[in-house]
Amino acid sequence: MTKRFALVAVALLLLGTSVPGLAAEDLGPQVTSKRKPTPEEQAQKQAREACKICKPTPEEQAQKQAREACKIEICDIVETREEQGPNITCDIGWTWRAEEIVDALGGRVDWVWGKAACQSTVRLERAPLANAMSAPRASIATDMHKVRCAIQQDGKPYVIEVELAPRITFKNGKATDAKVNWGEVSAPAAIYPLLYAATGLDNSTNALGPEVVRQVNKFTRKDCAEVKDELPGRRVN
């Protein structure tokens, strides 16, 4: 496995990156074969296809609602640029089903850990975020966040924990530069080398920086526009 591919895998599982947003070329060179898939492989493919249209579980629906509520809180600051008020603290979660992970990894990894149920607490200071939306130039540096993903193999539970402290630079309300700033990594022995190498690579090369910039700008513009009428401040420019 290439380090670039490992890095994408880390971002996928720990940052909740959208599966459709990961094009095949993002995963590095692909291995193709003309051999006929086995019945087991065909069944796995059918399960992945079915998962794309399957209904969310109650847990997944609750996670989505919590993420939506957090988005509204953040977007209210983005749109109103109001520096006075409470800071943001959101407990959010997201679940990757095993079929989704296998599909996203493109068959490059024999994924045997089932679903990945991830959670983190998002903490953002209101004043710096509000200022970044209007100042000619500003930076936001968050405290160290911990992302925790629960997985399992053969019925035995495992936990992946990774720390990160993102820093984002804005110019006239638009993100122009970013760095994830990965911290400590804790994971089962079979996964730890992958995470350690990938996070270390990104700390050295900032390979994920441009993608973070893209996602931040998408959030502050498109995503926040979608919930404009639900914002508590209702003082939208």
C-alpha atoms as a PDB file:
ATOM      1  CA  MET A   1       0.000   0.000   0.000  1.00  0.00           C
ATOM      2  CA  THR A   2       1.374   3.407  -0.921  1.00  0.00           C
ATOM      3  CA  LYS A   3       1.660   6.116   1.694  1.00  0.00           C
ATOM      4  CA  ARG A   4      -0.620   8.310  -0.399  1.00  0.00           C
ATOM      5  CA  PHE A   5      -3.314   5.677  -0.330  1.00  0.00           C
ATOM      6  CA  ALA A   6      -2.840   5.195   3.410  1.00  0.00           C
ATOM      7  CA  LEU A   7      -3.323   8.914   3.884  1.00  0.00           C
ATOM      8  CA  VAL A   8      -6.612   8.872   1.983  1.00  0.00           C
ATOM      9  CA  ALA A   9      -7.795   5.916   4.063  1.00  0.00           C
ATOM     10  CA  VAL A  10      -7.030   7.806   7.274  1.00  0.00           C
ATOM     11  CA  ALA A  11      -8.873  10.901   6.083  1.00  0.00           C
ATOM     12  CA  LEU A  12     -11.840   8.811   5.013  1.00  0.00           C
ATOM     13  CA  LEU A  13     -12.344   7.030   8.308  1.00  0.00           C
ATOM     14  CA  LEU A  14     -11.307   9.705  10.781  1.00  0.00           C
ATOM     15  CA  LEU A  15     -12.540  12.900   9.183  1.00  0.00           C
ATOM     16  CA  GLY A  16     -15.798  11.549   7.816  1.00  0.00           C
ATOM     17  CA  THR A  17     -14.944  12.492   4.240  1.00  0.00           C
ATOM     18  CA  SER A  18     -17.757  11.769   1.810  1.00  0.00           C
ATOM     19  CA  VAL A  19     -17.272   8.531  -0.096  1.00  0.00           C
ATOM     20  CA  PRO A  20     -18.601   9.983  -3.390  1.00  0.00           C
ATOM     21  CA  GLY A  21     -16.016  12.732  -3.090  1.00  0.00           C
ATOM     22  CA  LEU A  22     -13.173  10.271  -3.373  1.00  0.00           C
ATOM     23  CA  ALA A  23     -12.579   9.609  -7.044  1.00  0.00           C
ATOM     24  CA  ALA A  24     -10.633   6.549  -8.072  1.00  0.00           C
ATOM     25  CA  GLU A  25      -7.606   8.637  -9.013  1.00  0.00           C
ATOM     26  CA  ASP A  26      -7.422   9.931  -5.430  1.00  0.00           C
ATOM     27  CA  LEU A  27      -6.606   6.430  -4.260  1.00  0.00           C
ATOM     28  CA  GLY A  28      -3.438   6.156  -6.311  1.00  0.00           C
ATOM     29  CA  PRO A  29      -2.698   3.551  -8.995  1.00  0.00           C
ATOM     30  CA  GLN A  30      -5.468   0.989  -9.305  1.00  0.00           C
ATOM     31  CA  VAL A  31      -4.920  -2.728  -9.796  1.00  0.00           C
ATOM     32  CA  THR A  32      -7.109  -4.242 -12.493  1.00  0.00           C
ATOM     33  CA  SER A  33      -7.644  -7.875 -13.350  1.00  0.00           C
ATOM     34  CA  LYS A  34      -9.463  -9.750 -16.124  1.00  0.00           C
ATOM     35  CA  ARG A  35     -10.201 -12.760 -13.935  1.00  0.00           C
ATOM     36  CA  LYS A  36     -13.821 -13.562 -13.180  1.00  0.00           C
ATOM     37  CA  PRO A  37     -14.857 -12.578  -9.644  1.00  0.00           C
ATOM     38  CA  THR A  38     -15.570 -15.404  -7.213  1.00  0.00           C
ATOM     39  CA  PRO A  39     -19.142 -15.939  -5.948  1.00  0.00           C
ATOM     40  CA  GLU A  40     -18.067 -14.435  -2.614  1.00  0.00           C
ATOM     41  CA  GLU A  41     -16.637 -11.337  -4.311  1.00  0.00           C
ATOM     42  CA  GLN A  42     -19.784 -10.984  -6.406  1.00  0.00           C
ATOM     43  CA  ALA A  43     -21.933 -11.207  -3.265  1.00  0.00           C
ATOM     44  CA  GLN A  44     -19.793  -8.571  -1.591  1.00  0.00           C
ATOM     45  CA  LYS A  45     -20.203  -6.267  -4.584  1.00  0.00           C
ATOM     46  CA  GLN A  46     -23.974  -6.728  -4.528  1.00  0.00           C
ATOM     47  CA  ALA A  47     -24.021  -5.932  -0.810  1.00  0.00           C
ATOM     48  CA  ARG A  48     -22.073  -2.729  -1.440  1.00  0.00           C
ATOM     49  CA  GLU A  49     -24.476  -1.700  -4.186  1.00  0.00           C
ATOM     50  CA  ALA A  50     -27.455  -2.423  -1.932  1.00  0.00           C
ATOM     51  CA  CYS A  51     -25.897  -0.377   0.864  1.00  0.00           C
ATOM     52  CA  LYS A  52     -25.974   2.730  -1.320  1.00  0.00           C
ATOM     53  CA  ILE A  53     -29.771   2.751  -1.195  1.00  0.00           C
ATOM     54  CA  CYS A  54     -30.430   1.102   2.170  1.00  0.00           C
ATOM     55  CA  LYS A  55     -32.213   3.079   4.857  1.00  0.00           C
ATOM     56  CA  PRO A  56     -30.203   4.559   7.731  1.00  0.00           C
ATOM     57  CA  THR A  57     -30.452   2.854  11.093  1.00  0.00           C
ATOM     58  CA  PRO A  58     -31.937   4.760  14.058  1.00  0.00           C
ATOM     59  CA  GLU A  59     -28.380   5.323  15.308  1.00  0.00           C
ATOM     60  CA  GLU A  60     -27.262   6.720  11.945  1.00  0.00           C
ATOM     61  CA  GLN A  61     -30.326   8.946  11.778  1.00  0.00           C
ATOM     62  CA  ALA A  62     -29.596  10.308  15.262  1.00  0.00           C
ATOM     63  CA  GLN A  63     -26.003  10.988  14.238  1.00  0.00           C
ATOM     64  CA  LYS A  64     -27.179  12.870  11.172  1.00  0.00           C
ATOM     65  CA  GLN A  65     -29.546  14.998  13.222  1.00  0.00           C
ATOM     66  CA  ALA A  66     -26.763  15.860  15.683  1.00  0.00           C
ATOM     67  CA  ARG A  67     -24.443  16.855  12.840  1.00  0.00           C
ATOM     68  CA  GLU A  68     -27.200  18.997  11.306  1.00  0.00           C
ATOM     69  CA  ALA A  69     -27.782  20.788  14.622  1.00  0.00           C
ATOM     70  CA  CYS A  70     -24.059  21.479  14.936  1.00  0.00           C
ATOM     71  CA  LYS A  71     -23.938  22.761  11.359  1.00  0.00           C
ATOM     72  CA  ILE A  72     -26.725  25.224  12.105  1.00  0.00           C
ATOM     73  CA  GLU A  73     -24.845  26.555  15.137  1.00  0.00           C
ATOM     74  CA  ILE A  74     -21.654  27.071  13.155  1.00  0.00           C
ATOM     75  CA  CYS A  75     -23.411  28.508  10.108  1.00  0.00           C
ATOM     76  CA  ASP A  76     -25.212  31.024  12.309  1.00  0.00           C
ATOM     77  CA  ILE A  77     -21.814  32.488  13.216  1.00  0.00           C
ATOM     78  CA  VAL A  78     -20.584  32.258   9.624  1.00  0.00           C
ATOM     79  CA  GLU A  79     -23.586  34.154   8.269  1.00  0.00           C
ATOM     80  CA  THR A  80     -24.210  36.705  11.045  1.00  0.00           C
ATOM     81  CA  ARG A  81     -20.525  37.249  11.878  1.00  0.00           C
ATOM     82  CA  GLU A  82     -21.687  37.959  15.413  1.00  0.00           C
ATOM     83  CA  GLU A  83     -18.772  37.776  17.854  1.00  0.00           C
ATOM     84  CA  GLN A  84     -20.881  38.007  21.010  1.00  0.00           C
ATOM     85  CA  GLY A  85     -22.406  34.789  22.274  1.00  0.00           C
ATOM     86  CA  PRO A  86     -21.558  31.213  23.264  1.00  0.00           C
ATOM     87  CA  ASN A  87     -18.766  29.225  21.713  1.00  0.00           C
ATOM     88  CA  ILE A  88     -19.461  26.026  19.780  1.00  0.00           C
ATOM     89  CA  THR A  89     -19.335  22.620  21.478  1.00  0.00           C
ATOM     90  CA  CYS A  90     -20.892  19.725  19.564  1.00  0.00           C
ATOM     91  CA  ASP A  91     -20.705  15.990  20.167  1.00  0.00           C
ATOM     92  CA  ILE A  92     -20.972  14.445  16.719  1.00  0.00           C
ATOM     93  CA  GLY A  93     -20.716  10.937  15.312  1.00  0.00           C
ATOM     94  CA  TRP A  94     -20.735   9.166  11.976  1.00  0.00           C
ATOM     95  CA  THR A  95     -20.794   5.495  11.022  1.00  0.00           C
ATOM     96  CA  TRP A  96     -19.149   3.857   8.029  1.00  0.00           C
ATOM     97  CA  ARG A  97     -20.720   0.503   7.232  1.00  0.00           C
ATOM     98  CA  ALA A  98     -18.292  -2.248   6.286  1.00  0.00           C
ATOM     99  CA  GLU A  99     -19.647  -2.302   2.732  1.00  0.00           C
ATOM    100  CA  GLU A 100     -19.044   1.438   2.362  1.00  0.00           C
ATOM    101  CA  ILE A 101     -15.471   1.124   3.613  1.00  0.00           C
ATOM    102  CA  VAL A 102     -14.679  -1.759   1.262  1.00  0.00           C
ATOM    103  CA  ASP A 103     -16.178   0.159  -1.650  1.00  0.00           C
ATOM    104  CA  ALA A 104     -14.288   3.358  -0.793  1.00  0.00           C
ATOM    105  CA  LEU A 105     -10.981   1.541  -0.422  1.00  0.00           C
ATOM    106  CA  GLY A 106     -11.434   0.088  -3.885  1.00  0.00           C
ATOM    107  CA  GLY A 107     -10.411  -3.440  -2.984  1.00  0.00           C
ATOM    108  CA  ARG A 108      -6.897  -2.323  -2.052  1.00  0.00           C
ATOM    109  CA  VAL A 109      -7.254  -3.477   1.559  1.00  0.00           C
ATOM    110  CA  ASP A 110      -8.770  -6.627   3.006  1.00  0.00           C
ATOM    111  CA  TRP A 111     -11.036  -4.837   5.491  1.00  0.00           C
ATOM    112  CA  VAL A 112     -11.932  -7.271   8.308  1.00  0.00           C
ATOM    113  CA  TRP A 113     -12.987  -4.866  11.073  1.00  0.00           C
ATOM    114  CA  GLY A 114     -16.672  -4.448  10.255  1.00  0.00           C
ATOM    115  CA  LYS A 115     -18.282  -1.034  10.532  1.00  0.00           C
ATOM    116  CA  ALA A 116     -16.418   1.985  11.903  1.00  0.00           C
ATOM    117  CA  ALA A 117     -18.453   4.030  14.384  1.00  0.00           C
ATOM    118  CA  CYS A 118     -16.619   7.323  14.897  1.00  0.00           C
ATOM    119  CA  GLN A 119     -17.244  10.210  17.265  1.00  0.00           C
ATOM    120  CA  SER A 120     -15.613  13.464  18.282  1.00  0.00           C
ATOM    121  CA  THR A 121     -16.355  16.690  20.114  1.00  0.00           C
ATOM    122  CA  VAL A 122     -16.125  19.807  17.959  1.00  0.00           C
ATOM    123  CA  ARG A 123     -15.023  22.925  19.830  1.00  0.00           C
ATOM    124  CA  LEU A 124     -14.842  26.306  18.095  1.00  0.00           C
ATOM    125  CA  GLU A 125     -14.429  29.758  19.584  1.00  0.00           C
ATOM    126  CA  ARG A 126     -17.072  32.129  18.291  1.00  0.00           C
ATOM    127  CA  ALA A 127     -15.080  35.372  18.033  1.00  0.00           C
ATOM    128  CA  PRO A 128     -12.204  34.070  15.862  1.00  0.00           C
ATOM    129  CA  LEU A 129     -14.651  32.361  13.481  1.00  0.00           C
ATOM    130  CA  ALA A 130     -16.833  35.454  13.157  1.00  0.00           C
ATOM    131  CA  ASN A 131     -13.783  37.605  12.568  1.00  0.00           C
ATOM    132  CA  ALA A 132     -12.401  35.231   9.927  1.00  0.00           C
ATOM    133  CA  MET A 133     -15.578  35.663   7.882  1.00  0.00           C
ATOM    134  CA  SER A 134     -15.066  39.420   7.474  1.00  0.00           C
ATOM    135  CA  ALA A 135     -11.414  40.283   8.139  1.00  0.00           C
ATOM    136  CA  PRO A 136      -9.011  40.853   5.236  1.00  0.00           C
ATOM    137  CA  ARG A 137      -6.844  38.109   6.670  1.00  0.00           C
ATOM    138  CA  ALA A 138      -7.290  35.834   9.693  1.00  0.00           C
ATOM    139  CA  SER A 139      -6.386  32.414  11.036  1.00  0.00           C
ATOM    140  CA  ILE A 140      -8.258  29.940  13.199  1.00  0.00           C
ATOM    141  CA  ALA A 141      -6.284  27.422  15.256  1.00  0.00           C
ATOM    142  CA  THR A 142      -8.317  24.901  17.241  1.00  0.00           C
ATOM    143  CA  ASP A 143      -7.279  23.056  20.361  1.00  0.00           C
ATOM    144  CA  MET A 144      -6.324  19.409  20.026  1.00  0.00           C
ATOM    145  CA  HIS A 145      -9.366  17.311  19.090  1.00  0.00           C
ATOM    146  CA  LYS A 146      -9.627  13.550  19.499  1.00  0.00           C
ATOM    147  CA  VAL A 147     -11.427  11.341  16.976  1.00  0.00           C
ATOM    148  CA  ARG A 148     -12.431   7.919  18.266  1.00  0.00           C
ATOM    149  CA  CYS A 149     -13.560   5.075  15.991  1.00  0.00           C
ATOM    150  CA  ALA A 150     -14.897   1.769  17.315  1.00  0.00           C
ATOM    151  CA  ILE A 151     -14.299  -1.289  15.129  1.00  0.00           C
ATOM    152  CA  GLN A 152     -14.316  -5.030  15.684  1.00  0.00           C
ATOM    153  CA  GLN A 153     -12.878  -8.254  14.339  1.00  0.00           C
ATOM    154  CA  ASP A 154     -14.392 -11.682  14.967  1.00  0.00           C
ATOM    155  CA  GLY A 155     -16.646 -10.146  17.593  1.00  0.00           C
ATOM    156  CA  LYS A 156     -13.767  -8.580  19.520  1.00  0.00           C
ATOM    157  CA  PRO A 157     -13.957  -4.774  19.891  1.00  0.00           C
ATOM    158  CA  TYR A 158     -11.061  -2.459  19.040  1.00  0.00           C
ATOM    159  CA  VAL A 159     -10.639   1.302  19.225  1.00  0.00           C
ATOM    160  CA  ILE A 160      -8.777   3.760  16.995  1.00  0.00           C
ATOM    161  CA  GLU A 161      -7.973   7.166  18.474  1.00  0.00           C
ATOM    162  CA  VAL A 162      -6.250   9.992  16.643  1.00  0.00           C
ATOM    163  CA  GLU A 163      -5.627  13.576  17.758  1.00  0.00           C
ATOM    164  CA  LEU A 164      -5.633  16.598  15.458  1.00  0.00           C
ATOM    165  CA  ALA A 165      -5.477  20.380  15.851  1.00  0.00           C
ATOM    166  CA  PRO A 166      -6.447  21.986  12.529  1.00  0.00           C
ATOM    167  CA  ARG A 167      -5.265  25.464  11.574  1.00  0.00           C
ATOM    168  CA  ILE A 168      -7.013  27.353   8.764  1.00  0.00           C
ATOM    169  CA  THR A 169      -6.061  30.679   7.169  1.00  0.00           C
ATOM    170  CA  PHE A 170      -8.760  32.906   5.646  1.00  0.00           C
ATOM    171  CA  LYS A 171      -8.617  35.841   3.267  1.00  0.00           C
ATOM    172  CA  ASN A 172     -11.757  37.981   2.973  1.00  0.00           C
ATOM    173  CA  GLY A 173     -13.871  35.179   4.388  1.00  0.00           C
ATOM    174  CA  LYS A 174     -12.483  32.442   2.146  1.00  0.00           C
ATOM    175  CA  ALA A 175     -10.167  29.663   3.313  1.00  0.00           C
ATOM    176  CA  THR A 176      -6.836  29.836   1.500  1.00  0.00           C
ATOM    177  CA  ASP A 177      -4.577  27.515   3.489  1.00  0.00           C
ATOM    178  CA  ALA A 178      -4.993  24.726   6.025  1.00  0.00           C
ATOM    179  CA  LYS A 179      -3.133  22.054   7.912  1.00  0.00           C
ATOM    180  CA  VAL A 180      -4.572  19.155   9.919  1.00  0.00           C
ATOM    181  CA  ASN A 181      -1.701  18.947  12.478  1.00  0.00           C
ATOM    182  CA  TRP A 182      -2.060  15.310  13.522  1.00  0.00           C
ATOM    183  CA  GLY A 183      -1.167  14.376  17.099  1.00  0.00           C
ATOM    184  CA  GLU A 184      -1.025  11.087  19.004  1.00  0.00           C
ATOM    185  CA  VAL A 185      -2.250   7.868  17.395  1.00  0.00           C
ATOM    186  CA  SER A 186      -3.642   4.808  19.183  1.00  0.00           C
ATOM    187  CA  ALA A 187      -4.847   1.728  17.295  1.00  0.00           C
ATOM    188  CA  PRO A 188      -4.696  -2.084  17.107  1.00  0.00           C
ATOM    189  CA  ALA A 189      -1.316  -3.455  16.049  1.00  0.00           C
ATOM    190  CA  ALA A 190      -2.580  -4.387  12.578  1.00  0.00           C
ATOM    191  CA  ILE A 191      -3.706  -0.806  11.849  1.00  0.00           C
ATOM    192  CA  TYR A 192      -1.258   1.321  13.846  1.00  0.00           C
ATOM    193  CA  PRO A 193       1.603   1.317  11.280  1.00  0.00           C
ATOM    194  CA  LEU A 194      -0.804   2.525   8.580  1.00  0.00           C
ATOM    195  CA  LEU A 195      -2.119   5.384  10.722  1.00  0.00           C
ATOM    196  CA  TYR A 196       1.286   6.336  12.080  1.00  0.00           C
ATOM    197  CA  ALA A 197       2.855   6.506   8.614  1.00  0.00           C
ATOM    198  CA  ALA A 198      -0.068   8.358   7.048  1.00  0.00           C
ATOM    199  CA  THR A 199      -0.445  11.009   9.746  1.00  0.00           C
ATOM    200  CA  GLY A 200       3.309  11.512   9.863  1.00  0.00           C
ATOM    201  CA  LEU A 201       3.386  11.933   6.093  1.00  0.00           C
ATOM    202  CA  ASP A 202       0.669  14.578   6.179  1.00  0.00           C
ATOM    203  CA  ASN A 203       2.391  16.462   8.988  1.00  0.00           C
ATOM    204  CA  SER A 204       5.501  16.585   6.801  1.00  0.00           C
ATOM    205  CA  THR A 205       3.936  17.306   3.406  1.00  0.00           C
ATOM    206  CA  ASN A 206       0.513  18.798   4.231  1.00  0.00           C
ATOM    207  CA  ALA A 207      -0.968  16.647   1.479  1.00  0.00           C
ATOM    208  CA  LEU A 208      -4.471  17.022   2.922  1.00  0.00           C
ATOM    209  CA  GLY A 209      -4.257  20.817   3.200  1.00  0.00           C
ATOM    210  CA  PRO A 210      -5.860  21.611  -0.186  1.00  0.00           C
ATOM    211  CA  GLU A 211      -8.721  19.191   0.468  1.00  0.00           C
ATOM    212  CA  VAL A 212      -9.381  20.761   3.878  1.00  0.00           C
ATOM    213  CA  VAL A 213      -9.487  24.196   2.209  1.00  0.00           C
ATOM    214  CA  ARG A 214     -11.965  22.907  -0.371  1.00  0.00           C
ATOM    215  CA  GLN A 215     -14.209  21.346   2.259  1.00  0.00           C
ATOM    216  CA  VAL A 216     -14.166  24.451   4.482  1.00  0.00           C
ATOM    217  CA  ASN A 217     -15.141  26.720   1.591  1.00  0.00           C
ATOM    218  CA  LYS A 218     -17.885  24.310   0.544  1.00  0.00           C
ATOM    219  CA  PHE A 219     -19.220  24.322   4.097  1.00  0.00           C
ATOM    220  CA  THR A 220     -19.188  28.093   4.621  1.00  0.00           C
ATOM    221  CA  ARG A 221     -20.857  28.727   1.266  1.00  0.00           C
ATOM    222  CA  LYS A 222     -22.956  25.903  -0.113  1.00  0.00           C
ATOM    223  CA  ASP A 223     -23.734  23.987   3.090  1.00  0.00           C
ATOM    224  CA  CYS A 224     -24.553  27.077   5.141  1.00  0.00           C
ATOM    225  CA  ALA A 225     -26.717  28.458   2.339  1.00  0.00           C
ATOM    226  CA  GLU A 226     -28.839  25.311   2.533  1.00  0.00           C
ATOM    227  CA  VAL A 227     -29.810  26.016   6.167  1.00  0.00           C
ATOM    228  CA  LYS A 228     -30.011  29.814   5.913  1.00  0.00           C
ATOM    229  CA  ASP A 229     -33.681  29.951   6.909  1.00  0.00           C
ATOM    230  CA  GLU A 230     -33.048  27.806  10.002  1.00  0.00           C
ATOM    231  CA  LEU A 231     -30.339  30.007  11.536  1.00  0.00           C
ATOM    232  CA  PRO A 232     -31.202  31.397  14.977  1.00  0.00           C
ATOM    233  CA  GLY A 233     -29.664  34.813  14.259  1.00  0.00           C
ATOM    234  CA  ARG A 234     -31.676  35.349  11.050  1.00  0.00           C
ATOM    235  CA  ARG A 235     -29.405  38.297  10.285  1.00  0.00           C
ATOM    236  CA  VAL A 236     -28.126  36.921   7.012  1.00  0.00           C
ATOM    237  CA  ASN A 237     -26.210  39.161   4.630  1.00  0.00           C
END
